């Protein structure tokens, strides 16, 4: 039985897509809750299948949300994904939230959201 650790006693990464470390501002809007409004978040890493975002408040596991972030281009190009919360780690200043994108292709939006 595996303990989930690799040869150098570091956790084995089971993700299939390569992750990129970054620090981009994102906008997060819960899709299924009229009580909660838009939050500004920081994306800590991004892959083709999901992201890790730092939010001020903790969403619940399984919550659906719209995640938008501006690409680092001169024009105002934003990528928008529908996503689902798959993990929440409480932190002193909010929560690190792992989200999985619902589709593999984002919606590209040329105006500021």
PDB file of N, CA and C in Angstrom:
ATOM      1  N   UNK A   1       0.842  -1.186   0.000  1.00  0.00           N
ATOM      2  CA  UNK A   1       0.000   0.000   0.000  1.00  0.00           C
ATOM      3  C   UNK A   1       0.876   1.234   0.000  1.00  0.00           C
ATOM      4  N   UNK A   2       0.584   2.177  -0.865  1.00  0.00           N
ATOM      5  CA  UNK A   2       1.376   3.392  -0.993  1.00  0.00           C
ATOM      6  C   UNK A   2       0.968   4.407   0.062  1.00  0.00           C
ATOM      7  N   UNK A   3       1.959   5.147   0.575  1.00  0.00           N
ATOM      8  CA  UNK A   3       1.666   6.193   1.542  1.00  0.00           C
ATOM      9  C   UNK A   3       1.479   7.542   0.857  1.00  0.00           C
ATOM     10  N   UNK A   4       1.496   7.581  -0.485  1.00  0.00           N
ATOM     11  CA  UNK A   4       1.300   8.812  -1.222  1.00  0.00           C
ATOM     12  C   UNK A   4       2.541   9.672  -1.328  1.00  0.00           C
ATOM     13  N   UNK A   5       3.683   9.120  -0.880  1.00  0.00           N
ATOM     14  CA  UNK A   5       4.932   9.880  -0.894  1.00  0.00           C
ATOM     15  C   UNK A   5       5.860   9.324  -1.967  1.00  0.00           C
ATOM     16  N   UNK A   6       6.607  10.218  -2.600  1.00  0.00           N
ATOM     17  CA  UNK A   6       7.569   9.822  -3.619  1.00  0.00           C
ATOM     18  C   UNK A   6       8.897   9.435  -2.996  1.00  0.00           C
ATOM     19  N   UNK A   7       9.920   9.158  -3.831  1.00  0.00           N
ATOM     20  CA  UNK A   7      11.209   8.690  -3.344  1.00  0.00           C
ATOM     21  C   UNK A   7      11.926   9.690  -2.433  1.00  0.00           C
ATOM     22  N   UNK A   8      11.666  10.980  -2.580  1.00  0.00           N
ATOM     23  CA  UNK A   8      12.348  11.965  -1.734  1.00  0.00           C
ATOM     24  C   UNK A   8      11.445  12.442  -0.600  1.00  0.00           C
ATOM     25  N   UNK A   9      10.497  11.606  -0.210  1.00  0.00           N
ATOM     26  CA  UNK A   9       9.555  11.912   0.865  1.00  0.00           C
ATOM     27  C   UNK A   9       8.710  13.154   0.597  1.00  0.00           C
ATOM     28  N   UNK A  10       8.471  13.462  -0.688  1.00  0.00           N
ATOM     29  CA  UNK A  10       7.577  14.540  -1.064  1.00  0.00           C
ATOM     30  C   UNK A  10       6.309  13.902  -1.610  1.00  0.00           C
ATOM     31  N   UNK A  11       5.172  14.566  -1.405  1.00  0.00           N
ATOM     32  CA  UNK A  11       3.915  13.988  -1.903  1.00  0.00           C
ATOM     33  C   UNK A  11       3.962  13.768  -3.415  1.00  0.00           C
ATOM     34  N   UNK A  12       3.359  12.681  -3.871  1.00  0.00           N
ATOM     35  CA  UNK A  12       3.269  12.383  -5.297  1.00  0.00           C
ATOM     36  C   UNK A  12       2.191  13.282  -5.899  1.00  0.00           C
ATOM     37  N   UNK A  13       2.520  13.952  -6.990  1.00  0.00           N
ATOM     38  CA  UNK A  13       1.559  14.813  -7.671  1.00  0.00           C
ATOM     39  C   UNK A  13       0.760  13.964  -8.640  1.00  0.00           C
ATOM     40  N   UNK A  14      -0.533  13.834  -8.394  1.00  0.00           N
ATOM     41  CA  UNK A  14      -1.385  12.977  -9.211  1.00  0.00           C
ATOM     42  C   UNK A  14      -2.111  13.742 -10.319  1.00  0.00           C
ATOM     43  N   UNK A  15      -1.826  15.021 -10.438  1.00  0.00           N
ATOM     44  CA  UNK A  15      -2.494  15.816 -11.462  1.00  0.00           C
ATOM     45  C   UNK A  15      -1.926  15.472 -12.828  1.00  0.00           C
ATOM     46  N   UNK A  16      -2.794  15.414 -13.835  1.00  0.00           N
ATOM     47  CA  UNK A  16      -2.372  15.054 -15.174  1.00  0.00           C
ATOM     48  C   UNK A  16      -1.847  16.223 -15.987  1.00  0.00           C
ATOM     49  N   UNK A  17      -2.213  17.445 -15.614  1.00  0.00           N
ATOM     50  CA  UNK A  17      -1.822  18.619 -16.389  1.00  0.00           C
ATOM     51  C   UNK A  17      -0.737  19.408 -15.649  1.00  0.00           C
ATOM     52  N   UNK A  18       0.151  20.002 -16.407  1.00  0.00           N
ATOM     53  CA  UNK A  18       1.229  20.795 -15.822  1.00  0.00           C
ATOM     54  C   UNK A  18       0.659  22.072 -15.208  1.00  0.00           C
ATOM     55  N   UNK A  19       1.139  22.405 -14.016  1.00  0.00           N
ATOM     56  CA  UNK A  19       0.709  23.611 -13.325  1.00  0.00           C
ATOM     57  C   UNK A  19       1.756  24.697 -13.485  1.00  0.00           C
ATOM     58  N   UNK A  20       1.289  25.932 -13.578  1.00  0.00           N
ATOM     59  CA  UNK A  20       2.176  27.085 -13.705  1.00  0.00           C
ATOM     60  C   UNK A  20       1.952  27.999 -12.518  1.00  0.00           C
ATOM     61  N   UNK A  21       3.031  28.280 -11.776  1.00  0.00           N
ATOM     62  CA  UNK A  21       2.942  29.198 -10.642  1.00  0.00           C
ATOM     63  C   UNK A  21       2.823  30.619 -11.167  1.00  0.00           C
ATOM     64  N   UNK A  22       1.937  31.389 -10.550  1.00  0.00           N
ATOM     65  CA  UNK A  22       1.742  32.767 -10.957  1.00  0.00           C
ATOM     66  C   UNK A  22       1.055  33.525  -9.840  1.00  0.00           C
ATOM     67  N   UNK A  23       0.816  34.758 -10.051  1.00  0.00           N
ATOM     68  CA  UNK A  23       0.095  35.585  -9.092  1.00  0.00           C
ATOM     69  C   UNK A  23      -0.755  36.567  -9.894  1.00  0.00           C
ATOM     70  N   UNK A  24      -1.897  36.091 -10.376  1.00  0.00           N
ATOM     71  CA  UNK A  24      -2.798  36.905 -11.183  1.00  0.00           C
ATOM     72  C   UNK A  24      -4.064  37.194 -10.403  1.00  0.00           C
ATOM     73  N   UNK A  25      -4.606  38.375 -10.635  1.00  0.00           N
ATOM     74  CA  UNK A  25      -5.881  38.739 -10.032  1.00  0.00           C
ATOM     75  C   UNK A  25      -6.995  38.053 -10.813  1.00  0.00           C
ATOM     76  N   UNK A  26      -7.953  37.513 -10.087  1.00  0.00           N
ATOM     77  CA  UNK A  26      -9.109  36.852 -10.694  1.00  0.00           C
ATOM     78  C   UNK A  26     -10.379  37.380 -10.053  1.00  0.00           C
ATOM     79  N   UNK A  27     -11.476  37.216 -10.762  1.00  0.00           N
ATOM     80  CA  UNK A  27     -12.794  37.538 -10.223  1.00  0.00           C
ATOM     81  C   UNK A  27     -13.569  36.241 -10.125  1.00  0.00           C
ATOM     82  N   UNK A  28     -14.183  36.016  -8.975  1.00  0.00           N
ATOM     83  CA  UNK A  28     -14.904  34.771  -8.714  1.00  0.00           C
ATOM     84  C   UNK A  28     -16.342  35.115  -8.343  1.00  0.00           C
ATOM     85  N   UNK A  29     -17.275  34.494  -9.049  1.00  0.00           N
ATOM     86  CA  UNK A  29     -18.702  34.725  -8.794  1.00  0.00           C
ATOM     87  C   UNK A  29     -19.378  33.376  -8.573  1.00  0.00           C
ATOM     88  N   UNK A  30     -19.977  33.145  -7.402  1.00  0.00           N
ATOM     89  CA  UNK A  30     -20.716  31.895  -7.192  1.00  0.00           C
ATOM     90  C   UNK A  30     -21.877  31.801  -8.172  1.00  0.00           C
ATOM     91  N   UNK A  31     -22.031  30.661  -8.823  1.00  0.00           N
ATOM     92  CA  UNK A  31     -23.118  30.468  -9.796  1.00  0.00           C
ATOM     93  C   UNK A  31     -24.425  30.087  -9.127  1.00  0.00           C
ATOM     94  N   UNK A  32     -24.343  29.488  -7.948  1.00  0.00           N
ATOM     95  CA  UNK A  32     -25.548  28.910  -7.347  1.00  0.00           C
ATOM     96  C   UNK A  32     -25.948  29.555  -6.027  1.00  0.00           C
ATOM     97  N   UNK A  33     -25.510  30.794  -5.798  1.00  0.00           N
ATOM     98  CA  UNK A  33     -25.862  31.429  -4.540  1.00  0.00           C
ATOM     99  C   UNK A  33     -26.134  32.911  -4.764  1.00  0.00           C
ATOM    100  N   UNK A  34     -27.364  33.321  -4.538  1.00  0.00           N
ATOM    101  CA  UNK A  34     -27.725  34.726  -4.705  1.00  0.00           C
ATOM    102  C   UNK A  34     -27.199  35.572  -3.551  1.00  0.00           C
ATOM    103  N   UNK A  35     -26.856  34.931  -2.427  1.00  0.00           N
ATOM    104  CA  UNK A  35     -26.387  35.661  -1.246  1.00  0.00           C
ATOM    105  C   UNK A  35     -24.983  36.225  -1.431  1.00  0.00           C
ATOM    106  N   UNK A  36     -24.160  35.509  -2.141  1.00  0.00           N
ATOM    107  CA  UNK A  36     -22.765  35.888  -2.254  1.00  0.00           C
ATOM    108  C   UNK A  36     -22.530  36.643  -3.554  1.00  0.00           C
ATOM    109  N   UNK A  37     -21.710  37.687  -3.467  1.00  0.00           N
ATOM    110  CA  UNK A  37     -21.393  38.450  -4.656  1.00  0.00           C
ATOM    111  C   UNK A  37     -20.005  38.111  -5.165  1.00  0.00           C
ATOM    112  N   UNK A  38     -19.548  38.932  -6.072  1.00  0.00           N
ATOM    113  CA  UNK A  38     -18.233  38.746  -6.677  1.00  0.00           C
ATOM    114  C   UNK A  38     -17.131  38.939  -5.640  1.00  0.00           C
ATOM    115  N   UNK A  39     -16.114  38.113  -5.741  1.00  0.00           N
ATOM    116  CA  UNK A  39     -14.920  38.237  -4.904  1.00  0.00           C
ATOM    117  C   UNK A  39     -13.713  38.449  -5.796  1.00  0.00           C
ATOM    118  N   UNK A  40     -12.765  39.209  -5.297  1.00  0.00           N
ATOM    119  CA  UNK A  40     -11.480  39.309  -5.971  1.00  0.00           C
ATOM    120  C   UNK A  40     -10.586  38.270  -5.327  1.00  0.00           C
ATOM    121  N   UNK A  41      -9.905  37.491  -6.155  1.00  0.00           N
ATOM    122  CA  UNK A  41      -9.036  36.408  -5.672  1.00  0.00           C
ATOM    123  C   UNK A  41      -7.669  36.549  -6.317  1.00  0.00           C
ATOM    124  N   UNK A  42      -6.720  35.793  -5.803  1.00  0.00           N
ATOM    125  CA  UNK A  42      -5.394  35.705  -6.411  1.00  0.00           C
ATOM    126  C   UNK A  42      -5.186  34.274  -6.873  1.00  0.00           C
ATOM    127  N   UNK A  43      -4.913  34.098  -8.161  1.00  0.00           N
ATOM    128  CA  UNK A  43      -4.576  32.759  -8.663  1.00  0.00           C
ATOM    129  C   UNK A  43      -3.135  32.467  -8.301  1.00  0.00           C
ATOM    130  N   UNK A  44      -2.905  31.355  -7.626  1.00  0.00           N
ATOM    131  CA  UNK A  44      -1.538  30.968  -7.234  1.00  0.00           C
ATOM    132  C   UNK A  44      -0.912  30.021  -8.249  1.00  0.00           C
ATOM    133  N   UNK A  45      -1.739  29.166  -8.839  1.00  0.00           N
ATOM    134  CA  UNK A  45      -1.254  28.334  -9.938  1.00  0.00           C
ATOM    135  C   UNK A  45      -2.409  28.028 -10.865  1.00  0.00           C
ATOM    136  N   UNK A  46      -2.044  27.645 -12.077  1.00  0.00           N
ATOM    137  CA  UNK A  46      -3.033  27.449 -13.132  1.00  0.00           C
ATOM    138  C   UNK A  46      -2.593  26.294 -14.009  1.00  0.00           C
ATOM    139  N   UNK A  47      -3.542  25.478 -14.427  1.00  0.00           N
ATOM    140  CA  UNK A  47      -3.276  24.410 -15.393  1.00  0.00           C
ATOM    141  C   UNK A  47      -4.427  24.412 -16.397  1.00  0.00           C
ATOM    142  N   UNK A  48      -4.374  23.508 -17.334  1.00  0.00           N
ATOM    143  CA  UNK A  48      -5.443  23.425 -18.325  1.00  0.00           C
ATOM    144  C   UNK A  48      -6.729  22.843 -17.740  1.00  0.00           C
ATOM    145  N   UNK A  49      -6.650  22.249 -16.554  1.00  0.00           N
ATOM    146  CA  UNK A  49      -7.832  21.615 -15.962  1.00  0.00           C
ATOM    147  C   UNK A  49      -8.344  22.294 -14.698  1.00  0.00           C
ATOM    148  N   UNK A  50      -7.578  23.233 -14.134  1.00  0.00           N
ATOM    149  CA  UNK A  50      -8.012  23.876 -12.909  1.00  0.00           C
ATOM    150  C   UNK A  50      -7.027  24.900 -12.402  1.00  0.00           C
ATOM    151  N   UNK A  51      -7.270  25.366 -11.179  1.00  0.00           N
ATOM    152  CA  UNK A  51      -6.431  26.411 -10.600  1.00  0.00           C
ATOM    153  C   UNK A  51      -6.489  26.342  -9.081  1.00  0.00           C
ATOM    154  N   UNK A  52      -5.550  27.026  -8.452  1.00  0.00           N
ATOM    155  CA  UNK A  52      -5.562  27.233  -7.007  1.00  0.00           C
ATOM    156  C   UNK A  52      -5.699  28.726  -6.798  1.00  0.00           C
ATOM    157  N   UNK A  53      -6.736  29.126  -6.072  1.00  0.00           N
ATOM    158  CA  UNK A  53      -7.006  30.541  -5.848  1.00  0.00           C
ATOM    159  C   UNK A  53      -7.059  30.834  -4.361  1.00  0.00           C
ATOM    160  N   UNK A  54      -6.602  32.003  -3.991  1.00  0.00           N
ATOM    161  CA  UNK A  54      -6.684  32.477  -2.607  1.00  0.00           C
ATOM    162  C   UNK A  54      -7.874  33.429  -2.532  1.00  0.00           C
ATOM    163  N   UNK A  55      -8.884  33.060  -1.738  1.00  0.00           N
ATOM    164  CA  UNK A  55     -10.092  33.863  -1.580  1.00  0.00           C
ATOM    165  C   UNK A  55     -10.189  34.375  -0.153  1.00  0.00           C
ATOM    166  N   UNK A  56     -10.915  35.472   0.038  1.00  0.00           N
ATOM    167  CA  UNK A  56     -11.094  36.034   1.381  1.00  0.00           C
ATOM    168  C   UNK A  56     -12.091  35.235   2.210  1.00  0.00           C
ATOM    169  N   UNK A  57     -13.077  34.636   1.542  1.00  0.00           N
ATOM    170  CA  UNK A  57     -14.051  33.809   2.255  1.00  0.00           C
ATOM    171  C   UNK A  57     -14.040  32.402   1.657  1.00  0.00           C
ATOM    172  N   UNK A  58     -14.466  31.449   2.441  1.00  0.00           N
ATOM    173  CA  UNK A  58     -14.415  30.049   2.026  1.00  0.00           C
ATOM    174  C   UNK A  58     -15.698  29.620   1.344  1.00  0.00           C
ATOM    175  N   UNK A  59     -15.606  29.145   0.106  1.00  0.00           N
ATOM    176  CA  UNK A  59     -16.779  28.544  -0.518  1.00  0.00           C
ATOM    177  C   UNK A  59     -16.945  27.126   0.022  1.00  0.00           C
ATOM    178  N   UNK A  60     -18.046  26.498  -0.294  1.00  0.00           N
ATOM    179  CA  UNK A  60     -18.250  25.118   0.154  1.00  0.00           C
ATOM    180  C   UNK A  60     -17.792  24.151  -0.937  1.00  0.00           C
ATOM    181  N   UNK A  61     -17.420  22.970  -0.535  1.00  0.00           N
ATOM    182  CA  UNK A  61     -17.033  21.939  -1.495  1.00  0.00           C
ATOM    183  C   UNK A  61     -18.191  21.676  -2.449  1.00  0.00           C
ATOM    184  N   UNK A  62     -17.884  21.519  -3.709  1.00  0.00           N
ATOM    185  CA  UNK A  62     -18.897  21.248  -4.713  1.00  0.00           C
ATOM    186  C   UNK A  62     -19.589  22.486  -5.249  1.00  0.00           C
ATOM    187  N   UNK A  63     -19.298  23.644  -4.675  1.00  0.00           N
ATOM    188  CA  UNK A  63     -19.932  24.877  -5.145  1.00  0.00           C
ATOM    189  C   UNK A  63     -19.452  25.209  -6.554  1.00  0.00           C
ATOM    190  N   UNK A  64     -20.389  25.625  -7.402  1.00  0.00           N
ATOM    191  CA  UNK A  64     -20.057  26.026  -8.772  1.00  0.00           C
ATOM    192  C   UNK A  64     -19.816  27.529  -8.794  1.00  0.00           C
ATOM    193  N   UNK A  65     -18.827  27.934  -9.598  1.00  0.00           N
ATOM    194  CA  UNK A  65     -18.532  29.356  -9.691  1.00  0.00           C
ATOM    195  C   UNK A  65     -18.003  29.715 -11.072  1.00  0.00           C
ATOM    196  N   UNK A  66     -18.112  30.994 -11.399  1.00  0.00           N
ATOM    197  CA  UNK A  66     -17.495  31.528 -12.605  1.00  0.00           C
ATOM    198  C   UNK A  66     -16.186  32.174 -12.188  1.00  0.00           C
ATOM    199  N   UNK A  67     -15.106  31.818 -12.861  1.00  0.00           N
ATOM    200  CA  UNK A  67     -13.785  32.347 -12.558  1.00  0.00           C
ATOM    201  C   UNK A  67     -13.283  33.066 -13.800  1.00  0.00           C
ATOM    202  N   UNK A  68     -12.917  34.344 -13.641  1.00  0.00           N
ATOM    203  CA  UNK A  68     -12.416  35.141 -14.755  1.00  0.00           C
ATOM    204  C   UNK A  68     -11.071  35.732 -14.370  1.00  0.00           C
ATOM    205  N   UNK A  69     -10.153  35.747 -15.326  1.00  0.00           N
ATOM    206  CA  UNK A  69      -8.869  36.398 -15.072  1.00  0.00           C
ATOM    207  C   UNK A  69      -8.350  37.021 -16.343  1.00  0.00           C
ATOM    208  N   UNK A  70      -7.656  38.148 -16.172  1.00  0.00           N
ATOM    209  CA  UNK A  70      -7.139  38.910 -17.297  1.00  0.00           C
ATOM    210  C   UNK A  70      -5.809  38.312 -17.731  1.00  0.00           C
ATOM    211  N   UNK A  71      -5.685  38.110 -19.019  1.00  0.00           N
ATOM    212  CA  UNK A  71      -4.419  37.632 -19.573  1.00  0.00           C
ATOM    213  C   UNK A  71      -3.436  38.795 -19.651  1.00  0.00           C
ATOM    214  N   UNK A  72      -2.149  38.523 -19.494  1.00  0.00           N
ATOM    215  CA  UNK A  72      -1.156  39.610 -19.476  1.00  0.00           C
ATOM    216  C   UNK A  72      -0.824  40.127 -20.883  1.00  0.00           C
ATOM    217  N   UNK A  73      -1.844  40.610 -21.573  1.00  0.00           N
ATOM    218  CA  UNK A  73      -1.677  41.198 -22.898  1.00  0.00           C
ATOM    219  C   UNK A  73      -2.022  42.675 -22.812  1.00  0.00           C
ATOM    220  N   UNK A  74      -1.663  43.425 -23.837  1.00  0.00           N
ATOM    221  CA  UNK A  74      -1.961  44.854 -23.844  1.00  0.00           C
ATOM    222  C   UNK A  74      -3.457  45.126 -23.892  1.00  0.00           C
ATOM    223  N   UNK A  75      -4.178  44.326 -24.659  1.00  0.00           N
ATOM    224  CA  UNK A  75      -5.623  44.554 -24.738  1.00  0.00           C
ATOM    225  C   UNK A  75      -6.315  43.891 -23.549  1.00  0.00           C
ATOM    226  N   UNK A  76      -7.539  44.240 -23.334  1.00  0.00           N
ATOM    227  CA  UNK A  76      -8.314  43.709 -22.214  1.00  0.00           C
ATOM    228  C   UNK A  76      -8.921  42.357 -22.575  1.00  0.00           C
ATOM    229  N   UNK A  77      -8.112  41.318 -22.569  1.00  0.00           N
ATOM    230  CA  UNK A  77      -8.606  39.980 -22.856  1.00  0.00           C
ATOM    231  C   UNK A  77      -8.705  39.189 -21.553  1.00  0.00           C
ATOM    232  N   UNK A  78      -9.897  38.708 -21.265  1.00  0.00           N
ATOM    233  CA  UNK A  78     -10.157  37.925 -20.068  1.00  0.00           C
ATOM    234  C   UNK A  78     -10.534  36.510 -20.480  1.00  0.00           C
ATOM    235  N   UNK A  79     -10.140  35.550 -19.662  1.00  0.00           N
ATOM    236  CA  UNK A  79     -10.573  34.160 -19.823  1.00  0.00           C
ATOM    237  C   UNK A  79     -11.601  33.893 -18.740  1.00  0.00           C
ATOM    238  N   UNK A  80     -12.667  33.202 -19.105  1.00  0.00           N
ATOM    239  CA  UNK A  80     -13.707  32.891 -18.126  1.00  0.00           C
ATOM    240  C   UNK A  80     -14.022  31.401 -18.201  1.00  0.00           C
ATOM    241  N   UNK A  81     -14.076  30.788 -17.029  1.00  0.00           N
ATOM    242  CA  UNK A  81     -14.396  29.368 -16.904  1.00  0.00           C
ATOM    243  C   UNK A  81     -15.531  29.182 -15.917  1.00  0.00           C
ATOM    244  N   UNK A  82     -16.343  28.180 -16.150  1.00  0.00           N
ATOM    245  CA  UNK A  82     -17.235  27.659 -15.137  1.00  0.00           C
ATOM    246  C   UNK A  82     -16.408  26.612 -14.397  1.00  0.00           C
ATOM    247  N   UNK A  83     -16.489  26.603 -13.070  1.00  0.00           N
ATOM    248  CA  UNK A  83     -15.633  25.704 -12.292  1.00  0.00           C
ATOM    249  C   UNK A  83     -16.389  25.176 -11.083  1.00  0.00           C
ATOM    250  N   UNK A  84     -15.800  24.162 -10.462  1.00  0.00           N
ATOM    251  CA  UNK A  84     -16.369  23.570  -9.249  1.00  0.00           C
ATOM    252  C   UNK A  84     -15.273  23.492  -8.188  1.00  0.00           C
ATOM    253  N   UNK A  85     -15.632  23.784  -6.949  1.00  0.00           N
ATOM    254  CA  UNK A  85     -14.688  23.740  -5.836  1.00  0.00           C
ATOM    255  C   UNK A  85     -14.430  22.289  -5.457  1.00  0.00           C
ATOM    256  N   UNK A  86     -13.154  21.866  -5.491  1.00  0.00           N
ATOM    257  CA  UNK A  86     -12.823  20.479  -5.157  1.00  0.00           C
ATOM    258  C   UNK A  86     -12.041  20.346  -3.846  1.00  0.00           C
ATOM    259  N   UNK A  87     -11.499  21.459  -3.353  1.00  0.00           N
ATOM    260  CA  UNK A  87     -10.772  21.403  -2.083  1.00  0.00           C
ATOM    261  C   UNK A  87     -10.709  22.808  -1.494  1.00  0.00           C
ATOM    262  N   UNK A  88     -10.838  22.910  -0.169  1.00  0.00           N
ATOM    263  CA  UNK A  88     -10.736  24.185   0.532  1.00  0.00           C
ATOM    264  C   UNK A  88      -9.803  23.996   1.717  1.00  0.00           C
ATOM    265  N   UNK A  89      -8.783  24.837   1.790  1.00  0.00           N
ATOM    266  CA  UNK A  89      -7.860  24.809   2.927  1.00  0.00           C
ATOM    267  C   UNK A  89      -7.944  26.163   3.613  1.00  0.00           C
ATOM    268  N   UNK A  90      -8.471  26.146   4.831  1.00  0.00           N
ATOM    269  CA  UNK A  90      -8.617  27.389   5.594  1.00  0.00           C
ATOM    270  C   UNK A  90      -7.244  27.969   5.935  1.00  0.00           C
ATOM    271  N   UNK A  91      -7.111  29.267   5.782  1.00  0.00           N
ATOM    272  CA  UNK A  91      -5.899  30.002   6.141  1.00  0.00           C
ATOM    273  C   UNK A  91      -6.316  31.154   7.041  1.00  0.00           C
ATOM    274  N   UNK A  92      -5.350  31.806   7.687  1.00  0.00           N
ATOM    275  CA  UNK A  92      -5.691  32.899   8.602  1.00  0.00           C
ATOM    276  C   UNK A  92      -6.323  34.088   7.879  1.00  0.00           C
ATOM    277  N   UNK A  93      -5.921  34.332   6.640  1.00  0.00           N
ATOM    278  CA  UNK A  93      -6.451  35.483   5.906  1.00  0.00           C
ATOM    279  C   UNK A  93      -7.432  35.064   4.815  1.00  0.00           C
ATOM    280  N   UNK A  94      -8.081  33.922   4.944  1.00  0.00           N
ATOM    281  CA  UNK A  94      -9.028  33.481   3.930  1.00  0.00           C
ATOM    282  C   UNK A  94      -8.926  31.985   3.701  1.00  0.00           C
ATOM    283  N   UNK A  95      -8.889  31.595   2.418  1.00  0.00           N
ATOM    284  CA  UNK A  95      -8.841  30.173   2.094  1.00  0.00           C
ATOM    285  C   UNK A  95      -8.137  29.957   0.765  1.00  0.00           C
ATOM    286  N   UNK A  96      -7.352  28.889   0.699  1.00  0.00           N
ATOM    287  CA  UNK A  96      -6.803  28.419  -0.571  1.00  0.00           C
ATOM    288  C   UNK A  96      -7.832  27.451  -1.136  1.00  0.00           C
ATOM    289  N   UNK A  97      -8.284  27.725  -2.339  1.00  0.00           N
ATOM    290  CA  UNK A  97      -9.384  26.977  -2.930  1.00  0.00           C
ATOM    291  C   UNK A  97      -8.932  26.345  -4.244  1.00  0.00           C
ATOM    292  N   UNK A  98      -9.008  25.020  -4.318  1.00  0.00           N
ATOM    293  CA  UNK A  98      -8.698  24.306  -5.555  1.00  0.00           C
ATOM    294  C   UNK A  98      -9.982  24.188  -6.348  1.00  0.00           C
ATOM    295  N   UNK A  99      -9.917  24.599  -7.613  1.00  0.00           N
ATOM    296  CA  UNK A  99     -11.087  24.528  -8.471  1.00  0.00           C
ATOM    297  C   UNK A  99     -10.759  23.729  -9.723  1.00  0.00           C
ATOM    298  N   UNK A 100     -11.759  23.014 -10.192  1.00  0.00           N
ATOM    299  CA  UNK A 100     -11.622  22.234 -11.415  1.00  0.00           C
ATOM    300  C   UNK A 100     -12.530  22.856 -12.462  1.00  0.00           C
ATOM    301  N   UNK A 101     -11.962  23.135 -13.636  1.00  0.00           N
ATOM    302  CA  UNK A 101     -12.741  23.745 -14.704  1.00  0.00           C
ATOM    303  C   UNK A 101     -13.752  22.740 -15.250  1.00  0.00           C
ATOM    304  N   UNK A 102     -14.955  23.229 -15.536  1.00  0.00           N
ATOM    305  CA  UNK A 102     -16.028  22.365 -16.034  1.00  0.00           C
ATOM    306  C   UNK A 102     -15.834  22.012 -17.507  1.00  0.00           C
ATOM    307  N   UNK A 103     -15.126  22.842 -18.246  1.00  0.00           N
ATOM    308  CA  UNK A 103     -14.869  22.572 -19.656  1.00  0.00           C
ATOM    309  C   UNK A 103     -13.386  22.826 -19.932  1.00  0.00           C
ATOM    310  N   UNK A 104     -12.895  22.256 -21.000  1.00  0.00           N
ATOM    311  CA  UNK A 104     -11.465  22.387 -21.285  1.00  0.00           C
ATOM    312  C   UNK A 104     -11.134  23.687 -22.010  1.00  0.00           C
ATOM    313  N   UNK A 105     -12.120  24.303 -22.626  1.00  0.00           N
ATOM    314  CA  UNK A 105     -11.872  25.546 -23.358  1.00  0.00           C
ATOM    315  C   UNK A 105     -12.550  26.699 -22.635  1.00  0.00           C
ATOM    316  N   UNK A 106     -11.815  27.776 -22.388  1.00  0.00           N
ATOM    317  CA  UNK A 106     -12.421  28.935 -21.733  1.00  0.00           C
ATOM    318  C   UNK A 106     -13.232  29.765 -22.726  1.00  0.00           C
ATOM    319  N   UNK A 107     -13.999  30.660 -22.171  1.00  0.00           N
ATOM    320  CA  UNK A 107     -14.661  31.687 -22.968  1.00  0.00           C
ATOM    321  C   UNK A 107     -13.727  32.900 -22.932  1.00  0.00           C
ATOM    322  N   UNK A 108     -13.426  33.471 -24.079  1.00  0.00           N
ATOM    323  CA  UNK A 108     -12.578  34.654 -24.138  1.00  0.00           C
ATOM    324  C   UNK A 108     -13.466  35.886 -24.238  1.00  0.00           C
ATOM    325  N   UNK A 109     -13.195  36.862 -23.388  1.00  0.00           N
ATOM    326  CA  UNK A 109     -13.991  38.079 -23.334  1.00  0.00           C
ATOM    327  C   UNK A 109     -13.042  39.260 -23.514  1.00  0.00           C
ATOM    328  N   UNK A 110     -13.343  40.139 -24.450  1.00  0.00           N
ATOM    329  CA  UNK A 110     -12.439  41.253 -24.770  1.00  0.00           C
ATOM    330  C   UNK A 110     -12.725  42.528 -23.991  1.00  0.00           C
ATOM    331  N   UNK A 111     -13.733  42.552 -23.173  1.00  0.00           N
ATOM    332  CA  UNK A 111     -14.023  43.742 -22.388  1.00  0.00           C
ATOM    333  C   UNK A 111     -13.796  43.441 -20.931  1.00  0.00           C
ATOM    334  N   UNK A 112     -13.611  44.486 -20.158  1.00  0.00           N
ATOM    335  CA  UNK A 112     -13.396  44.284 -18.721  1.00  0.00           C
ATOM    336  C   UNK A 112     -14.679  43.787 -18.086  1.00  0.00           C
ATOM    337  N   UNK A 113     -14.550  42.782 -17.240  1.00  0.00           N
ATOM    338  CA  UNK A 113     -15.711  42.196 -16.561  1.00  0.00           C
ATOM    339  C   UNK A 113     -16.007  42.937 -15.283  1.00  0.00           C
TER     340      UNK A 113
END
